[in-house]
Amino acid sequence: MSSLLDAPNTPDPNDHEHASNCVGCLDRRQMLKRAGLVTAGVAAAGVLAACGSGGGGGSTNDTPSENTGGGSGALAKVSDVPEGGALSVEDADGNELLLTQASAGTIVALSAICTHQGCTVKGDGGELLCPCHGSVFDLSGANVSGPARKPLSEVDVHVVDGEVLAGKT
C-alpha cells in the first residue's frame, strides 16, 4: 500500500519557496503582526465594554434604589427622594438619572453617566460615586475628586403636586 506522498504526480506541500510570487503565503513576521492586531482589537473591545454604561443604579437612606415613576409619567414623588441624598430613576427614554435633594424641597436631576468614561454613578449618602474609577460628585453634580474633570450634566425637571416630572414647567 503506497502513501499519498509516494504518488508520482502529487506535489509536496513543502516543496516550494516562500518568495514574493507565493500567493496567499504569510511569513512569520506577517503572521505575528496580524495575530497581534486581532488580540489588540479584542482587548480594546473588552475594555470599552467594561467602561461602558450598564452598571445599574443605587440610592441612599434606605429608599427604593430605582423608580420608573409608575403610570403617571412622573419620575418619582418628592417624598421618595431622600433629603441630603439621591434616588436613581430612569426617564421615559431609558436614560439613567439621579434625583438629588440637597435641601428640603429642592430637587435637582442629573445624568447618572460619569463624565470620565461613561460608567453609571450611584448615590452614597451625601455624595455621588462612580464605581468604576472612583470619581466623586456632590449633590449638585460638581466634581469633588477623581479622574472626572467635568460635572454631571443637569437635566430639566419640575415639581407638580409632589411629583417630579421631566422637562421645564
C-alpha atoms as a PDB file:
ATOM      1  CA  MET A   1       0.000   0.000   0.000  1.00  0.00           C
ATOM      2  CA  SER A   2       1.553   3.311  -1.010  1.00  0.00           C
ATOM      3  CA  SER A   3       1.036   6.619   0.746  1.00  0.00           C
ATOM      4  CA  LEU A   4      -0.193   9.824  -0.798  1.00  0.00           C
ATOM      5  CA  LEU A   5       3.328  11.279  -0.676  1.00  0.00           C
ATOM      6  CA  ASP A   6       4.634   8.378  -2.741  1.00  0.00           C
ATOM      7  CA  ALA A   7       2.240   9.149  -5.601  1.00  0.00           C
ATOM      8  CA  PRO A   8       4.209  10.304  -8.636  1.00  0.00           C
ATOM      9  CA  ASN A   9       2.169  13.414  -9.601  1.00  0.00           C
ATOM     10  CA  THR A  10       1.212  14.682  -6.124  1.00  0.00           C
ATOM     11  CA  PRO A  11       3.012  17.941  -5.258  1.00  0.00           C
ATOM     12  CA  ASP A  12       4.869  18.003  -1.962  1.00  0.00           C
ATOM     13  CA  PRO A  13       3.354  20.781   0.236  1.00  0.00           C
ATOM     14  CA  ASN A  14       6.858  21.651   1.488  1.00  0.00           C
ATOM     15  CA  ASP A  15       8.354  21.745  -1.982  1.00  0.00           C
ATOM     16  CA  HIS A  16       8.089  25.482  -2.755  1.00  0.00           C
ATOM     17  CA  GLU A  17       9.823  28.669  -1.684  1.00  0.00           C
ATOM     18  CA  HIS A  18       8.147  31.495   0.196  1.00  0.00           C
ATOM     19  CA  ALA A  19       9.032  34.278  -2.165  1.00  0.00           C
ATOM     20  CA  SER A  20       7.100  37.297  -3.376  1.00  0.00           C
ATOM     21  CA  ASN A  21       5.417  35.166  -6.021  1.00  0.00           C
ATOM     22  CA  CYS A  22       3.829  32.916  -3.380  1.00  0.00           C
ATOM     23  CA  VAL A  23       0.152  33.870  -3.432  1.00  0.00           C
ATOM     24  CA  GLY A  24      -1.585  33.618  -0.042  1.00  0.00           C
ATOM     25  CA  CYS A  25       1.526  32.731   1.952  1.00  0.00           C
ATOM     26  CA  LEU A  26       2.469  34.704   5.071  1.00  0.00           C
ATOM     27  CA  ASP A  27       5.910  34.850   6.561  1.00  0.00           C
ATOM     28  CA  ARG A  28       6.353  34.597  10.333  1.00  0.00           C
ATOM     29  CA  ARG A  29       6.534  38.389  10.813  1.00  0.00           C
ATOM     30  CA  GLN A  30       3.259  38.976   8.914  1.00  0.00           C
ATOM     31  CA  MET A  31       1.531  36.195  10.834  1.00  0.00           C
ATOM     32  CA  LEU A  32       2.603  37.573  14.221  1.00  0.00           C
ATOM     33  CA  LYS A  33       1.637  41.118  13.225  1.00  0.00           C
ATOM     34  CA  ARG A  34      -1.870  40.014  12.225  1.00  0.00           C
ATOM     35  CA  ALA A  35      -2.277  37.935  15.384  1.00  0.00           C
ATOM     36  CA  GLY A  36      -1.194  40.952  17.455  1.00  0.00           C
ATOM     37  CA  LEU A  37      -3.710  43.223  15.733  1.00  0.00           C
ATOM     38  CA  VAL A  38      -6.533  40.766  16.360  1.00  0.00           C
ATOM     39  CA  THR A  39      -5.529  40.405  20.016  1.00  0.00           C
ATOM     40  CA  ALA A  40      -5.341  44.192  20.478  1.00  0.00           C
ATOM     41  CA  GLY A  41      -8.776  44.619  18.902  1.00  0.00           C
ATOM     42  CA  VAL A  42     -10.364  42.028  21.179  1.00  0.00           C
ATOM     43  CA  ALA A  43      -8.706  43.581  24.243  1.00  0.00           C
ATOM     44  CA  ALA A  44      -9.904  47.077  23.269  1.00  0.00           C
ATOM     45  CA  ALA A  45     -13.477  45.833  22.843  1.00  0.00           C
ATOM     46  CA  GLY A  46     -13.318  44.263  26.292  1.00  0.00           C
ATOM     47  CA  VAL A  47     -12.089  47.479  27.902  1.00  0.00           C
ATOM     48  CA  LEU A  48     -14.808  49.534  26.218  1.00  0.00           C
ATOM     49  CA  ALA A  49     -17.479  47.081  27.332  1.00  0.00           C
ATOM     50  CA  ALA A  50     -16.198  47.203  30.914  1.00  0.00           C
ATOM     51  CA  CYS A  51     -16.208  51.009  30.973  1.00  0.00           C
ATOM     52  CA  GLY A  52     -19.475  51.425  29.153  1.00  0.00           C
ATOM     53  CA  SER A  53     -22.683  52.319  30.875  1.00  0.00           C
ATOM     54  CA  GLY A  54     -24.609  49.438  32.288  1.00  0.00           C
ATOM     55  CA  GLY A  55     -23.725  49.473  35.932  1.00  0.00           C
ATOM     56  CA  GLY A  56     -27.239  49.800  37.331  1.00  0.00           C
ATOM     57  CA  GLY A  57     -28.405  52.371  39.815  1.00  0.00           C
ATOM     58  CA  GLY A  58     -28.316  52.771  43.546  1.00  0.00           C
ATOM     59  CA  SER A  59     -29.724  55.080  46.187  1.00  0.00           C
ATOM     60  CA  THR A  60     -29.264  56.195  49.738  1.00  0.00           C
ATOM     61  CA  ASN A  61     -31.009  56.305  53.084  1.00  0.00           C
ATOM     62  CA  ASP A  62     -32.929  53.006  52.713  1.00  0.00           C
ATOM     63  CA  THR A  63     -35.166  54.337  49.942  1.00  0.00           C
ATOM     64  CA  PRO A  64     -36.030  52.360  46.805  1.00  0.00           C
ATOM     65  CA  SER A  65     -32.980  52.106  44.563  1.00  0.00           C
ATOM     66  CA  GLU A  66     -34.795  52.689  41.315  1.00  0.00           C
ATOM     67  CA  ASN A  67     -38.044  54.253  40.306  1.00  0.00           C
ATOM     68  CA  THR A  68     -39.607  54.405  36.887  1.00  0.00           C
ATOM     69  CA  GLY A  69     -42.319  56.789  38.001  1.00  0.00           C
ATOM     70  CA  GLY A  70     -45.265  54.433  37.680  1.00  0.00           C
ATOM     71  CA  GLY A  71     -48.040  55.106  35.210  1.00  0.00           C
ATOM     72  CA  SER A  72     -48.460  58.836  35.909  1.00  0.00           C
ATOM     73  CA  GLY A  73     -45.464  59.933  33.823  1.00  0.00           C
ATOM     74  CA  ALA A  74     -43.711  61.203  36.955  1.00  0.00           C
ATOM     75  CA  LEU A  75     -40.065  60.309  37.528  1.00  0.00           C
ATOM     76  CA  ALA A  76     -40.699  59.991  41.274  1.00  0.00           C
ATOM     77  CA  LYS A  77     -42.511  61.529  44.199  1.00  0.00           C
ATOM     78  CA  VAL A  78     -40.623  64.261  46.028  1.00  0.00           C
ATOM     79  CA  SER A  79     -41.087  62.201  49.206  1.00  0.00           C
ATOM     80  CA  ASP A  80     -39.126  59.325  47.568  1.00  0.00           C
ATOM     81  CA  VAL A  81     -36.012  61.483  47.095  1.00  0.00           C
ATOM     82  CA  PRO A  82     -34.031  61.409  50.353  1.00  0.00           C
ATOM     83  CA  GLU A  83     -33.136  64.776  51.838  1.00  0.00           C
ATOM     84  CA  GLY A  84     -29.335  65.039  51.661  1.00  0.00           C
ATOM     85  CA  GLY A  85     -29.169  62.128  49.222  1.00  0.00           C
ATOM     86  CA  ALA A  86     -30.078  60.815  45.792  1.00  0.00           C
ATOM     87  CA  LEU A  87     -32.543  58.497  44.096  1.00  0.00           C
ATOM     88  CA  SER A  88     -31.745  56.619  40.870  1.00  0.00           C
ATOM     89  CA  VAL A  89     -34.515  56.773  38.251  1.00  0.00           C
ATOM     90  CA  GLU A  90     -34.965  56.170  34.557  1.00  0.00           C
ATOM     91  CA  ASP A  91     -36.711  58.629  32.261  1.00  0.00           C
ATOM     92  CA  ALA A  92     -39.177  57.700  29.515  1.00  0.00           C
ATOM     93  CA  ASP A  93     -36.311  57.350  27.013  1.00  0.00           C
ATOM     94  CA  GLY A  94     -34.408  54.926  29.244  1.00  0.00           C
ATOM     95  CA  ASN A  95     -31.765  57.442  30.367  1.00  0.00           C
ATOM     96  CA  GLU A  96     -30.444  56.850  33.864  1.00  0.00           C
ATOM     97  CA  LEU A  97     -30.830  59.888  36.137  1.00  0.00           C
ATOM     98  CA  LEU A  98     -30.093  60.827  39.727  1.00  0.00           C
ATOM     99  CA  LEU A  99     -32.664  62.947  41.544  1.00  0.00           C
ATOM    100  CA  THR A 100     -30.990  64.771  44.424  1.00  0.00           C
ATOM    101  CA  GLN A 101     -32.397  66.827  47.279  1.00  0.00           C
ATOM    102  CA  ALA A 102     -29.549  68.718  48.942  1.00  0.00           C
ATOM    103  CA  SER A 103     -32.048  70.832  50.893  1.00  0.00           C
ATOM    104  CA  ALA A 104     -35.705  70.148  51.648  1.00  0.00           C
ATOM    105  CA  GLY A 105     -37.943  70.679  48.640  1.00  0.00           C
ATOM    106  CA  THR A 106     -35.162  71.451  46.142  1.00  0.00           C
ATOM    107  CA  ILE A 107     -34.953  68.664  43.577  1.00  0.00           C
ATOM    108  CA  VAL A 108     -32.135  68.533  41.033  1.00  0.00           C
ATOM    109  CA  ALA A 109     -31.928  65.940  38.247  1.00  0.00           C
ATOM    110  CA  LEU A 110     -28.534  64.878  36.947  1.00  0.00           C
ATOM    111  CA  SER A 111     -27.394  62.455  34.301  1.00  0.00           C
ATOM    112  CA  ALA A 112     -26.130  59.325  36.090  1.00  0.00           C
ATOM    113  CA  ILE A 113     -23.458  58.874  33.405  1.00  0.00           C
ATOM    114  CA  CYS A 114     -19.959  59.711  34.652  1.00  0.00           C
ATOM    115  CA  THR A 115     -18.178  62.354  32.600  1.00  0.00           C
ATOM    116  CA  HIS A 116     -14.918  60.394  32.838  1.00  0.00           C
ATOM    117  CA  GLN A 117     -15.679  57.211  30.889  1.00  0.00           C
ATOM    118  CA  GLY A 118     -19.434  56.722  30.969  1.00  0.00           C
ATOM    119  CA  CYS A 119     -19.965  54.421  33.970  1.00  0.00           C
ATOM    120  CA  THR A 120     -23.183  54.713  35.970  1.00  0.00           C
ATOM    121  CA  VAL A 121     -22.803  56.947  39.028  1.00  0.00           C
ATOM    122  CA  LYS A 122     -24.592  55.897  42.231  1.00  0.00           C
ATOM    123  CA  GLY A 123     -25.794  57.836  45.250  1.00  0.00           C
ATOM    124  CA  ASP A 124     -23.942  57.191  48.506  1.00  0.00           C
ATOM    125  CA  GLY A 125     -25.100  59.347  51.406  1.00  0.00           C
ATOM    126  CA  GLY A 126     -24.421  62.972  50.533  1.00  0.00           C
ATOM    127  CA  GLU A 127     -22.173  62.080  47.584  1.00  0.00           C
ATOM    128  CA  LEU A 128     -22.462  60.604  44.113  1.00  0.00           C
ATOM    129  CA  LEU A 129     -19.827  57.958  43.384  1.00  0.00           C
ATOM    130  CA  CYS A 130     -18.565  56.392  40.186  1.00  0.00           C
ATOM    131  CA  PRO A 131     -17.830  52.730  40.994  1.00  0.00           C
ATOM    132  CA  CYS A 132     -15.512  52.267  38.009  1.00  0.00           C
ATOM    133  CA  HIS A 133     -12.713  54.756  38.595  1.00  0.00           C
ATOM    134  CA  GLY A 134     -13.564  56.491  41.873  1.00  0.00           C
ATOM    135  CA  SER A 135     -14.820  59.892  40.746  1.00  0.00           C
ATOM    136  CA  VAL A 136     -16.863  61.680  43.424  1.00  0.00           C
ATOM    137  CA  PHE A 137     -19.514  64.338  42.777  1.00  0.00           C
ATOM    138  CA  ASP A 138     -21.564  66.424  45.207  1.00  0.00           C
ATOM    139  CA  LEU A 139     -25.371  66.510  45.132  1.00  0.00           C
ATOM    140  CA  SER A 140     -25.313  69.405  42.637  1.00  0.00           C
ATOM    141  CA  GLY A 141     -23.249  67.258  40.230  1.00  0.00           C
ATOM    142  CA  ALA A 142     -19.996  69.199  40.741  1.00  0.00           C
ATOM    143  CA  ASN A 143     -16.811  67.128  40.627  1.00  0.00           C
ATOM    144  CA  VAL A 144     -15.237  66.712  44.062  1.00  0.00           C
ATOM    145  CA  SER A 145     -12.414  64.282  43.267  1.00  0.00           C
ATOM    146  CA  GLY A 146     -11.257  61.504  40.972  1.00  0.00           C
ATOM    147  CA  PRO A 147     -10.380  61.343  37.307  1.00  0.00           C
ATOM    148  CA  ALA A 148     -13.589  63.041  36.082  1.00  0.00           C
ATOM    149  CA  ARG A 149     -12.910  66.703  35.328  1.00  0.00           C
ATOM    150  CA  LYS A 150     -16.405  67.813  34.296  1.00  0.00           C
ATOM    151  CA  PRO A 151     -19.580  67.935  36.406  1.00  0.00           C
ATOM    152  CA  LEU A 152     -22.527  65.635  35.807  1.00  0.00           C
ATOM    153  CA  SER A 153     -24.980  67.096  33.289  1.00  0.00           C
ATOM    154  CA  GLU A 154     -28.090  68.658  34.762  1.00  0.00           C
ATOM    155  CA  VAL A 155     -31.436  67.541  33.338  1.00  0.00           C
ATOM    156  CA  ASP A 156     -34.565  69.715  33.352  1.00  0.00           C
ATOM    157  CA  VAL A 157     -37.275  68.640  35.816  1.00  0.00           C
ATOM    158  CA  HIS A 158     -40.094  70.363  37.656  1.00  0.00           C
ATOM    159  CA  VAL A 159     -42.379  69.518  40.570  1.00  0.00           C
ATOM    160  CA  VAL A 160     -46.184  69.438  40.344  1.00  0.00           C
ATOM    161  CA  ASP A 161     -48.374  68.215  43.212  1.00  0.00           C
ATOM    162  CA  GLY A 162     -45.468  66.487  44.920  1.00  0.00           C
ATOM    163  CA  GLU A 163     -44.316  64.640  41.809  1.00  0.00           C
ATOM    164  CA  VAL A 164     -41.062  65.159  39.915  1.00  0.00           C
ATOM    165  CA  LEU A 165     -41.764  65.485  36.199  1.00  0.00           C
ATOM    166  CA  ALA A 166     -39.298  65.621  33.279  1.00  0.00           C
ATOM    167  CA  GLY A 167     -38.851  68.868  31.379  1.00  0.00           C
ATOM    168  CA  LYS A 168     -39.362  72.519  32.162  1.00  0.00           C
ATOM    169  CA  THR A 169     -42.635  73.877  33.559  1.00  0.00           C
END
